[in-house]
Amino acid sequence: SLQYLGAQALPLKVLSIVSTLWRCGPTSVLEGIVRG
């Protein structure tokens, strides 16, 4: 949607914020997102 509206040229900088990278479910979810 941001690209479609012409809001920002690529690449888009995405910041993911978490408490820590302790090995748990949320960290696994985050890993799957950023690695993709």
Full PDB file with SEQRES, HELIX, SHEET, SSBOND, CRYST1, ORIGX, SCALE, CONECT and MASTER records, all heavy atoms in Angstrom:
SEQRES   1 A   36  SER LEU GLN TYR LEU GLY ALA GLN ALA LEU PRO LEU LYS          
SEQRES   2 A   36  VAL LEU SER ILE VAL SER THR LEU TRP ARG CYS GLY PRO          
SEQRES   3 A   36  THR SER VAL LEU GLU GLY ILE VAL ARG GLY                      
HELIX    1 AA1 GLY A   25  ARG A   35  1                                  11    
CRYST1    1.000    1.000    1.000  90.00  90.00  90.00 P 1           1          
ORIGX1      1.000000  0.000000  0.000000        0.00000                         
ORIGX2      0.000000  1.000000  0.000000        0.00000                         
ORIGX3      0.000000  0.000000  1.000000        0.00000                         
SCALE1      1.000000  0.000000  0.000000        0.00000                         
SCALE2      0.000000  1.000000  0.000000        0.00000                         
SCALE3      0.000000  0.000000  1.000000        0.00000                         
ATOM      1  N   SER A   1       0.826  -1.195   0.000  1.00  0.00           N  
ATOM      2  CA  SER A   1       0.000   0.000   0.000  1.00  0.00           C  
ATOM      3  C   SER A   1       0.867   1.254   0.000  1.00  0.00           C  
ATOM      4  O   SER A   1       0.568   2.226  -0.690  1.00  0.00           O  
ATOM      5  CB  SER A   1      -0.928   0.007   1.223  1.00  0.00           C  
ATOM      6  OG  SER A   1      -1.812  -1.095   1.177  1.00  0.00           O  
ATOM      7  N   LEU A   2       1.957   1.244   0.776  1.00  0.00           N  
ATOM      8  CA  LEU A   2       2.869   2.388   0.798  1.00  0.00           C  
ATOM      9  C   LEU A   2       3.485   2.603  -0.581  1.00  0.00           C  
ATOM     10  O   LEU A   2       3.586   3.730  -1.068  1.00  0.00           O  
ATOM     11  CB  LEU A   2       3.978   2.158   1.828  1.00  0.00           C  
ATOM     12  CG  LEU A   2       3.567   2.207   3.293  1.00  0.00           C  
ATOM     13  CD1 LEU A   2       4.748   1.786   4.151  1.00  0.00           C  
ATOM     14  CD2 LEU A   2       3.088   3.593   3.686  1.00  0.00           C  
ATOM     15  N   GLN A   3       3.882   1.520  -1.229  1.00  0.00           N  
ATOM     16  CA  GLN A   3       4.465   1.627  -2.558  1.00  0.00           C  
ATOM     17  C   GLN A   3       3.431   2.136  -3.555  1.00  0.00           C  
ATOM     18  O   GLN A   3       3.720   2.981  -4.408  1.00  0.00           O  
ATOM     19  CB  GLN A   3       5.000   0.264  -3.012  1.00  0.00           C  
ATOM     20  CG  GLN A   3       6.117  -0.265  -2.129  1.00  0.00           C  
ATOM     21  CD  GLN A   3       6.444  -1.702  -2.457  1.00  0.00           C  
ATOM     22  OE1 GLN A   3       5.713  -2.343  -3.207  1.00  0.00           O  
ATOM     23  NE2 GLN A   3       7.508  -2.202  -1.899  1.00  0.00           N  
ATOM     24  N   TYR A   4       2.230   1.605  -3.461  1.00  0.00           N  
ATOM     25  CA  TYR A   4       1.161   1.954  -4.394  1.00  0.00           C  
ATOM     26  C   TYR A   4       0.838   3.441  -4.317  1.00  0.00           C  
ATOM     27  O   TYR A   4       0.546   4.087  -5.311  1.00  0.00           O  
ATOM     28  CB  TYR A   4      -0.077   1.122  -4.061  1.00  0.00           C  
ATOM     29  CG  TYR A   4      -1.247   1.355  -4.994  1.00  0.00           C  
ATOM     30  CD1 TYR A   4      -1.170   0.941  -6.323  1.00  0.00           C  
ATOM     31  CD2 TYR A   4      -2.408   1.965  -4.542  1.00  0.00           C  
ATOM     32  CE1 TYR A   4      -2.241   1.124  -7.177  1.00  0.00           C  
ATOM     33  CE2 TYR A   4      -3.473   2.155  -5.393  1.00  0.00           C  
ATOM     34  CZ  TYR A   4      -3.394   1.735  -6.712  1.00  0.00           C  
ATOM     35  OH  TYR A   4      -4.452   1.919  -7.545  1.00  0.00           O  
ATOM     36  N   LEU A   5       0.902   4.004  -3.106  1.00  0.00           N  
ATOM     37  CA  LEU A   5       0.616   5.417  -2.917  1.00  0.00           C  
ATOM     38  C   LEU A   5       1.814   6.303  -3.221  1.00  0.00           C  
ATOM     39  O   LEU A   5       1.739   7.521  -3.119  1.00  0.00           O  
ATOM     40  CB  LEU A   5       0.157   5.650  -1.467  1.00  0.00           C  
ATOM     41  CG  LEU A   5      -1.172   4.995  -1.089  1.00  0.00           C  
ATOM     42  CD1 LEU A   5      -1.431   5.178   0.393  1.00  0.00           C  
ATOM     43  CD2 LEU A   5      -2.312   5.577  -1.908  1.00  0.00           C  
ATOM     44  N   GLY A   6       2.944   5.685  -3.554  1.00  0.00           N  
ATOM     45  CA  GLY A   6       4.133   6.452  -3.884  1.00  0.00           C  
ATOM     46  C   GLY A   6       4.743   7.119  -2.667  1.00  0.00           C  
ATOM     47  O   GLY A   6       5.370   8.166  -2.761  1.00  0.00           O  
ATOM     48  N   ALA A   7       4.589   6.493  -1.472  1.00  0.00           N  
ATOM     49  CA  ALA A   7       5.035   7.140  -0.241  1.00  0.00           C  
ATOM     50  C   ALA A   7       6.540   7.073  -0.068  1.00  0.00           C  
ATOM     51  O   ALA A   7       7.133   7.919   0.574  1.00  0.00           O  
ATOM     52  CB  ALA A   7       4.349   6.491   0.964  1.00  0.00           C  
ATOM     53  N   GLN A   8       7.179   6.040  -0.614  1.00  0.00           N  
ATOM     54  CA  GLN A   8       8.607   5.889  -0.342  1.00  0.00           C  
ATOM     55  C   GLN A   8       9.253   5.043  -1.439  1.00  0.00           C  
ATOM     56  O   GLN A   8       8.687   4.052  -1.878  1.00  0.00           O  
ATOM     57  CB  GLN A   8       8.795   5.197   1.014  1.00  0.00           C  
ATOM     58  CG  GLN A   8      10.220   4.852   1.355  1.00  0.00           C  
ATOM     59  CD  GLN A   8      11.051   6.100   1.577  1.00  0.00           C  
ATOM     60  OE1 GLN A   8      10.582   7.044   2.179  1.00  0.00           O  
ATOM     61  NE2 GLN A   8      12.272   6.098   1.087  1.00  0.00           N  
ATOM     62  N   ALA A   9      10.438   5.438  -1.874  1.00  0.00           N  
ATOM     63  CA  ALA A   9      11.174   4.653  -2.843  1.00  0.00           C  
ATOM     64  C   ALA A   9      11.758   3.430  -2.152  1.00  0.00           C  
ATOM     65  O   ALA A   9      12.038   3.455  -0.961  1.00  0.00           O  
ATOM     66  CB  ALA A   9      12.288   5.498  -3.459  1.00  0.00           C  
ATOM     67  N   LEU A  10      11.953   2.364  -2.909  1.00  0.00           N  
ATOM     68  CA  LEU A  10      12.519   1.136  -2.363  1.00  0.00           C  
ATOM     69  C   LEU A  10      14.027   1.298  -2.174  1.00  0.00           C  
ATOM     70  O   LEU A  10      14.661   2.075  -2.871  1.00  0.00           O  
ATOM     71  CB  LEU A  10      12.222  -0.019  -3.316  1.00  0.00           C  
ATOM     72  CG  LEU A  10      10.742  -0.331  -3.533  1.00  0.00           C  
ATOM     73  CD1 LEU A  10      10.604  -1.437  -4.562  1.00  0.00           C  
ATOM     74  CD2 LEU A  10      10.070  -0.722  -2.238  1.00  0.00           C  
ATOM     75  N   PRO A  11      14.673   0.529  -1.279  1.00  0.00           N  
ATOM     76  CA  PRO A  11      14.028  -0.419  -0.356  1.00  0.00           C  
ATOM     77  C   PRO A  11      13.439   0.281   0.866  1.00  0.00           C  
ATOM     78  O   PRO A  11      13.958   1.310   1.303  1.00  0.00           O  
ATOM     79  CB  PRO A  11      15.186  -1.334   0.061  1.00  0.00           C  
ATOM     80  CG  PRO A  11      16.378  -0.442  -0.005  1.00  0.00           C  
ATOM     81  CD  PRO A  11      16.137   0.502  -1.161  1.00  0.00           C  
ATOM     82  N   LEU A  12      12.374  -0.281   1.388  1.00  0.00           N  
ATOM     83  CA  LEU A  12      11.753   0.250   2.593  1.00  0.00           C  
ATOM     84  C   LEU A  12      12.513  -0.245   3.825  1.00  0.00           C  
ATOM     85  O   LEU A  12      12.857  -1.422   3.915  1.00  0.00           O  
ATOM     86  CB  LEU A  12      10.292  -0.202   2.680  1.00  0.00           C  
ATOM     87  CG  LEU A  12       9.344   0.366   1.617  1.00  0.00           C  
ATOM     88  CD1 LEU A  12       7.983  -0.286   1.737  1.00  0.00           C  
ATOM     89  CD2 LEU A  12       9.219   1.870   1.773  1.00  0.00           C  
ATOM     90  N   LYS A  13      12.754   0.643   4.751  1.00  0.00           N  
ATOM     91  CA  LYS A  13      13.453   0.288   5.985  1.00  0.00           C  
ATOM     92  C   LYS A  13      12.426  -0.089   7.041  1.00  0.00           C  
ATOM     93  O   LYS A  13      11.598   0.730   7.438  1.00  0.00           O  
ATOM     94  CB  LYS A  13      14.304   1.457   6.471  1.00  0.00           C  
ATOM     95  CG  LYS A  13      15.425   1.841   5.511  1.00  0.00           C  
ATOM     96  CD  LYS A  13      16.237   2.992   6.056  1.00  0.00           C  
ATOM     97  CE  LYS A  13      17.358   3.379   5.094  1.00  0.00           C  
ATOM     98  NZ  LYS A  13      18.161   4.515   5.613  1.00  0.00           N  
ATOM     99  N   VAL A  14      12.495  -1.341   7.487  1.00  0.00           N  
ATOM    100  CA  VAL A  14      11.530  -1.870   8.445  1.00  0.00           C  
ATOM    101  C   VAL A  14      12.234  -2.143   9.768  1.00  0.00           C  
ATOM    102  O   VAL A  14      13.213  -2.891   9.819  1.00  0.00           O  
ATOM    103  CB  VAL A  14      10.876  -3.165   7.923  1.00  0.00           C  
ATOM    104  CG1 VAL A  14       9.796  -3.644   8.886  1.00  0.00           C  
ATOM    105  CG2 VAL A  14      10.280  -2.941   6.534  1.00  0.00           C  
ATOM    106  N   LEU A  15      11.720  -1.541  10.844  1.00  0.00           N  
ATOM    107  CA  LEU A  15      12.285  -1.758  12.183  1.00  0.00           C  
ATOM    108  C   LEU A  15      11.343  -2.634  12.993  1.00  0.00           C  
ATOM    109  O   LEU A  15      10.197  -2.272  13.224  1.00  0.00           O  
ATOM    110  CB  LEU A  15      12.488  -0.427  12.903  1.00  0.00           C  
ATOM    111  CG  LEU A  15      13.024  -0.519  14.335  1.00  0.00           C  
ATOM    112  CD1 LEU A  15      14.455  -1.061  14.335  1.00  0.00           C  
ATOM    113  CD2 LEU A  15      12.961   0.839  15.027  1.00  0.00           C  
ATOM    114  N   SER A  16      11.835  -3.796  13.420  1.00  0.00           N  
ATOM    115  CA  SER A  16      11.061  -4.696  14.284  1.00  0.00           C  
ATOM    116  C   SER A  16      11.540  -4.520  15.719  1.00  0.00           C  
ATOM    117  O   SER A  16      12.741  -4.605  15.988  1.00  0.00           O  
ATOM    118  CB  SER A  16      11.248  -6.151  13.843  1.00  0.00           C  
ATOM    119  OG  SER A  16      10.785  -6.342  12.524  1.00  0.00           O  
ATOM    120  N   ILE A  17      10.603  -4.288  16.643  1.00  0.00           N  
ATOM    121  CA  ILE A  17      10.948  -3.994  18.031  1.00  0.00           C  
ATOM    122  C   ILE A  17      10.447  -5.120  18.929  1.00  0.00           C  
ATOM    123  O   ILE A  17       9.263  -5.470  18.898  1.00  0.00           O  
ATOM    124  CB  ILE A  17      10.336  -2.656  18.480  1.00  0.00           C  
ATOM    125  CG1 ILE A  17      10.707  -1.542  17.501  1.00  0.00           C  
ATOM    126  CG2 ILE A  17      10.794  -2.306  19.884  1.00  0.00           C  
ATOM    127  CD1 ILE A  17       9.956  -0.245  17.749  1.00  0.00           C  
ATOM    128  N   VAL A  18      11.349  -5.679  19.741  1.00  0.00           N  
ATOM    129  CA  VAL A  18      11.007  -6.731  20.695  1.00  0.00           C  
ATOM    130  C   VAL A  18      11.715  -6.439  22.017  1.00  0.00           C  
ATOM    131  O   VAL A  18      12.639  -5.629  22.071  1.00  0.00           O  
ATOM    132  CB  VAL A  18      11.432  -8.126  20.182  1.00  0.00           C  
ATOM    133  CG1 VAL A  18      10.623  -8.539  18.977  1.00  0.00           C  
ATOM    134  CG2 VAL A  18      12.925  -8.149  19.850  1.00  0.00           C  
ATOM    135  N   SER A  19      11.276  -7.112  23.078  1.00  0.00           N  
ATOM    136  CA  SER A  19      11.952  -6.933  24.369  1.00  0.00           C  
ATOM    137  C   SER A  19      13.359  -7.513  24.318  1.00  0.00           C  
ATOM    138  O   SER A  19      14.345  -6.845  24.641  1.00  0.00           O  
ATOM    139  CB  SER A  19      11.140  -7.598  25.486  1.00  0.00           C  
ATOM    140  OG  SER A  19       9.929  -6.902  25.690  1.00  0.00           O  
ATOM    141  N   THR A  20      13.464  -8.795  23.942  1.00  0.00           N  
ATOM    142  CA  THR A  20      14.760  -9.458  23.751  1.00  0.00           C  
ATOM    143  C   THR A  20      14.599 -10.494  22.656  1.00  0.00           C  
ATOM    144  O   THR A  20      13.491 -10.739  22.169  1.00  0.00           O  
ATOM    145  CB  THR A  20      15.253 -10.175  25.033  1.00  0.00           C  
ATOM    146  OG1 THR A  20      14.410 -11.318  25.290  1.00  0.00           O  
ATOM    147  CG2 THR A  20      15.242  -9.250  26.242  1.00  0.00           C  
ATOM    148  N   LEU A  21      15.705 -11.127  22.297  1.00  0.00           N  
ATOM    149  CA  LEU A  21      15.679 -12.225  21.337  1.00  0.00           C  
ATOM    150  C   LEU A  21      15.788 -13.563  22.050  1.00  0.00           C  
ATOM    151  O   LEU A  21      16.391 -14.511  21.535  1.00  0.00           O  
ATOM    152  CB  LEU A  21      16.804 -12.054  20.312  1.00  0.00           C  
ATOM    153  CG  LEU A  21      16.624 -10.877  19.347  1.00  0.00           C  
ATOM    154  CD1 LEU A  21      17.845 -10.734  18.444  1.00  0.00           C  
ATOM    155  CD2 LEU A  21      15.356 -11.031  18.516  1.00  0.00           C  
ATOM    156  N   TRP A  22      15.204 -13.637  23.245  1.00  0.00           N  
ATOM    157  CA  TRP A  22      15.118 -14.913  23.963  1.00  0.00           C  
ATOM    158  C   TRP A  22      14.435 -15.936  23.075  1.00  0.00           C  
ATOM    159  O   TRP A  22      13.468 -15.632  22.376  1.00  0.00           O  
ATOM    160  CB  TRP A  22      14.319 -14.699  25.250  1.00  0.00           C  
ATOM    161  CG  TRP A  22      14.065 -15.952  26.028  1.00  0.00           C  
ATOM    162  CD1 TRP A  22      14.980 -16.827  26.504  1.00  0.00           C  
ATOM    163  CD2 TRP A  22      12.784 -16.471  26.426  1.00  0.00           C  
ATOM    164  NE1 TRP A  22      14.380 -17.862  27.188  1.00  0.00           N  
ATOM    165  CE2 TRP A  22      13.029 -17.661  27.149  1.00  0.00           C  
ATOM    166  CE3 TRP A  22      11.475 -16.029  26.249  1.00  0.00           C  
ATOM    167  CZ2 TRP A  22      11.991 -18.435  27.684  1.00  0.00           C  
ATOM    168  CZ3 TRP A  22      10.441 -16.796  26.780  1.00  0.00           C  
ATOM    169  CH2 TRP A  22      10.713 -17.983  27.488  1.00  0.00           C  
ATOM    170  N   ARG A  23      14.946 -17.168  23.065  1.00  0.00           N  
ATOM    171  CA  ARG A  23      14.423 -18.204  22.182  1.00  0.00           C  
ATOM    172  C   ARG A  23      13.021 -18.630  22.648  1.00  0.00           C  
ATOM    173  O   ARG A  23      12.876 -19.388  23.609  1.00  0.00           O  
ATOM    174  CB  ARG A  23      15.351 -19.411  22.145  1.00  0.00           C  
ATOM    175  CG  ARG A  23      16.716 -19.081  21.545  1.00  0.00           C  
ATOM    176  CD  ARG A  23      17.591 -20.314  21.425  1.00  0.00           C  
ATOM    177  NE  ARG A  23      18.926 -19.981  20.969  1.00  0.00           N  
ATOM    178  CZ  ARG A  23      19.265 -19.821  19.697  1.00  0.00           C  
ATOM    179  NH1 ARG A  23      18.350 -19.975  18.754  1.00  0.00           N  
ATOM    180  NH2 ARG A  23      20.508 -19.511  19.357  1.00  0.00           N  
ATOM    181  N   CYS A  24      12.027 -18.108  21.960  1.00  0.00           N  
ATOM    182  CA  CYS A  24      10.632 -18.406  22.305  1.00  0.00           C  
ATOM    183  C   CYS A  24       9.786 -18.223  21.051  1.00  0.00           C  
ATOM    184  O   CYS A  24      10.309 -17.894  19.979  1.00  0.00           O  
ATOM    185  CB  CYS A  24      10.152 -17.490  23.429  1.00  0.00           C  
ATOM    186  SG  CYS A  24      10.251 -15.736  23.030  1.00  0.00           S  
ATOM    187  N   GLY A  25       8.477 -18.438  21.185  1.00  0.00           N  
ATOM    188  CA  GLY A  25       7.577 -18.349  20.039  1.00  0.00           C  
ATOM    189  C   GLY A  25       7.633 -17.027  19.295  1.00  0.00           C  
ATOM    190  O   GLY A  25       7.802 -17.008  18.058  1.00  0.00           O  
ATOM    191  N   PRO A  26       7.485 -15.881  19.990  1.00  0.00           N  
ATOM    192  CA  PRO A  26       7.548 -14.592  19.281  1.00  0.00           C  
ATOM    193  C   PRO A  26       8.849 -14.363  18.523  1.00  0.00           C  
ATOM    194  O   PRO A  26       8.840 -13.790  17.428  1.00  0.00           O  
ATOM    195  CB  PRO A  26       7.378 -13.578  20.423  1.00  0.00           C  
ATOM    196  CG  PRO A  26       6.559 -14.297  21.438  1.00  0.00           C  
ATOM    197  CD  PRO A  26       7.056 -15.716  21.384  1.00  0.00           C  
ATOM    198  N   THR A  27       9.964 -14.832  19.083  1.00  0.00           N  
ATOM    199  CA  THR A  27      11.242 -14.678  18.381  1.00  0.00           C  
ATOM    200  C   THR A  27      11.269 -15.530  17.117  1.00  0.00           C  
ATOM    201  O   THR A  27      11.801 -15.107  16.081  1.00  0.00           O  
ATOM    202  CB  THR A  27      12.417 -15.071  19.305  1.00  0.00           C  
ATOM    203  OG1 THR A  27      12.420 -14.209  20.449  1.00  0.00           O  
ATOM    204  CG2 THR A  27      13.748 -14.946  18.588  1.00  0.00           C  
ATOM    205  N   SER A  28      10.674 -16.721  17.185  1.00  0.00           N  
ATOM    206  CA  SER A  28      10.599 -17.575  15.990  1.00  0.00           C  
ATOM    207  C   SER A  28       9.743 -16.923  14.912  1.00  0.00           C  
ATOM    208  O   SER A  28      10.055 -16.996  13.720  1.00  0.00           O  
ATOM    209  CB  SER A  28      10.024 -18.946  16.358  1.00  0.00           C  
ATOM    210  OG  SER A  28      10.872 -19.625  17.267  1.00  0.00           O  
ATOM    211  N   VAL A  29       8.627 -16.294  15.336  1.00  0.00           N  
ATOM    212  CA  VAL A  29       7.771 -15.577  14.383  1.00  0.00           C  
ATOM    213  C   VAL A  29       8.551 -14.439  13.727  1.00  0.00           C  
ATOM    214  O   VAL A  29       8.527 -14.264  12.502  1.00  0.00           O  
ATOM    215  CB  VAL A  29       6.512 -15.030  15.092  1.00  0.00           C  
ATOM    216  CG1 VAL A  29       5.717 -14.122  14.147  1.00  0.00           C  
ATOM    217  CG2 VAL A  29       5.633 -16.171  15.578  1.00  0.00           C  
ATOM    218  N   LEU A  30       9.261 -13.669  14.538  1.00  0.00           N  
ATOM    219  CA  LEU A  30      10.048 -12.559  14.016  1.00  0.00           C  
ATOM    220  C   LEU A  30      11.109 -13.050  13.042  1.00  0.00           C  
ATOM    221  O   LEU A  30      11.325 -12.454  11.974  1.00  0.00           O  
ATOM    222  CB  LEU A  30      10.711 -11.796  15.172  1.00  0.00           C  
ATOM    223  CG  LEU A  30      11.687 -10.694  14.796  1.00  0.00           C  
ATOM    224  CD1 LEU A  30      10.995  -9.611  13.974  1.00  0.00           C  
ATOM    225  CD2 LEU A  30      12.328 -10.099  16.041  1.00  0.00           C  
ATOM    226  N   GLU A  31      11.776 -14.128  13.400  1.00  0.00           N  
ATOM    227  CA  GLU A  31      12.811 -14.680  12.523  1.00  0.00           C  
ATOM    228  C   GLU A  31      12.234 -15.056  11.164  1.00  0.00           C  
ATOM    229  O   GLU A  31      12.822 -14.767  10.115  1.00  0.00           O  
ATOM    230  CB  GLU A  31      13.458 -15.911  13.166  1.00  0.00           C  
ATOM    231  CG  GLU A  31      14.517 -16.571  12.306  1.00  0.00           C  
ATOM    232  CD  GLU A  31      15.078 -17.836  12.940  1.00  0.00           C  
ATOM    233  OE1 GLU A  31      15.180 -17.879  14.176  1.00  0.00           O  
ATOM    234  OE2 GLU A  31      15.409 -18.771  12.187  1.00  0.00           O  
ATOM    235  N   GLY A  32      11.057 -15.702  11.180  1.00  0.00           N  
ATOM    236  CA  GLY A  32      10.436 -16.088   9.920  1.00  0.00           C  
ATOM    237  C   GLY A  32      10.098 -14.892   9.045  1.00  0.00           C  
ATOM    238  O   GLY A  32      10.193 -14.960   7.814  1.00  0.00           O  
ATOM    239  N   ILE A  33       9.730 -13.783   9.687  1.00  0.00           N  
ATOM    240  CA  ILE A  33       9.371 -12.578   8.930  1.00  0.00           C  
ATOM    241  C   ILE A  33      10.599 -11.940   8.296  1.00  0.00           C  
ATOM    242  O   ILE A  33      10.656 -11.709   7.087  1.00  0.00           O  
ATOM    243  CB  ILE A  33       8.649 -11.570   9.844  1.00  0.00           C  
ATOM    244  CG1 ILE A  33       7.293 -12.131  10.292  1.00  0.00           C  
ATOM    245  CG2 ILE A  33       8.455 -10.240   9.118  1.00  0.00           C  
ATOM    246  CD1 ILE A  33       6.607 -11.291  11.345  1.00  0.00           C  
ATOM    247  N   VAL A  34      11.617 -11.639   9.118  1.00  0.00           N  
ATOM    248  CA  VAL A  34      12.759 -10.880   8.595  1.00  0.00           C  
ATOM    249  C   VAL A  34      13.613 -11.706   7.639  1.00  0.00           C  
ATOM    250  O   VAL A  34      14.216 -11.149   6.708  1.00  0.00           O  
ATOM    251  CB  VAL A  34      13.619 -10.313   9.748  1.00  0.00           C  
ATOM    252  CG1 VAL A  34      12.810  -9.341  10.586  1.00  0.00           C  
ATOM    253  CG2 VAL A  34      14.196 -11.432  10.615  1.00  0.00           C  
ATOM    254  N   ARG A  35      13.666 -13.014   7.834  1.00  0.00           N  
ATOM    255  CA  ARG A  35      14.443 -13.848   6.912  1.00  0.00           C  
ATOM    256  C   ARG A  35      13.777 -13.924   5.550  1.00  0.00           C  
ATOM    257  O   ARG A  35      14.441 -14.214   4.543  1.00  0.00           O  
ATOM    258  CB  ARG A  35      14.616 -15.257   7.477  1.00  0.00           C  
ATOM    259  CG  ARG A  35      15.557 -15.332   8.662  1.00  0.00           C  
ATOM    260  CD  ARG A  35      15.883 -16.770   9.009  1.00  0.00           C  
ATOM    261  NE  ARG A  35      16.668 -17.416   7.969  1.00  0.00           N  
ATOM    262  CZ  ARG A  35      17.034 -18.695   7.997  1.00  0.00           C  
ATOM    263  NH1 ARG A  35      16.678 -19.462   9.018  1.00  0.00           N  
ATOM    264  NH2 ARG A  35      17.749 -19.209   7.023  1.00  0.00           N  
ATOM    265  N   GLY A  36      12.472 -13.676   5.513  1.00  0.00           N  
ATOM    266  CA  GLY A  36      11.753 -13.748   4.250  1.00  0.00           C  
ATOM    267  C   GLY A  36      11.783 -12.478   3.431  1.00  0.00           C  
ATOM    268  O   GLY A  36      11.312 -12.460   2.294  1.00  0.00           O  
TER     269      GLY A  36                                                      
MASTER        0    0    0    1    0    0    0    6  268    1    0    3          
END                                                                             
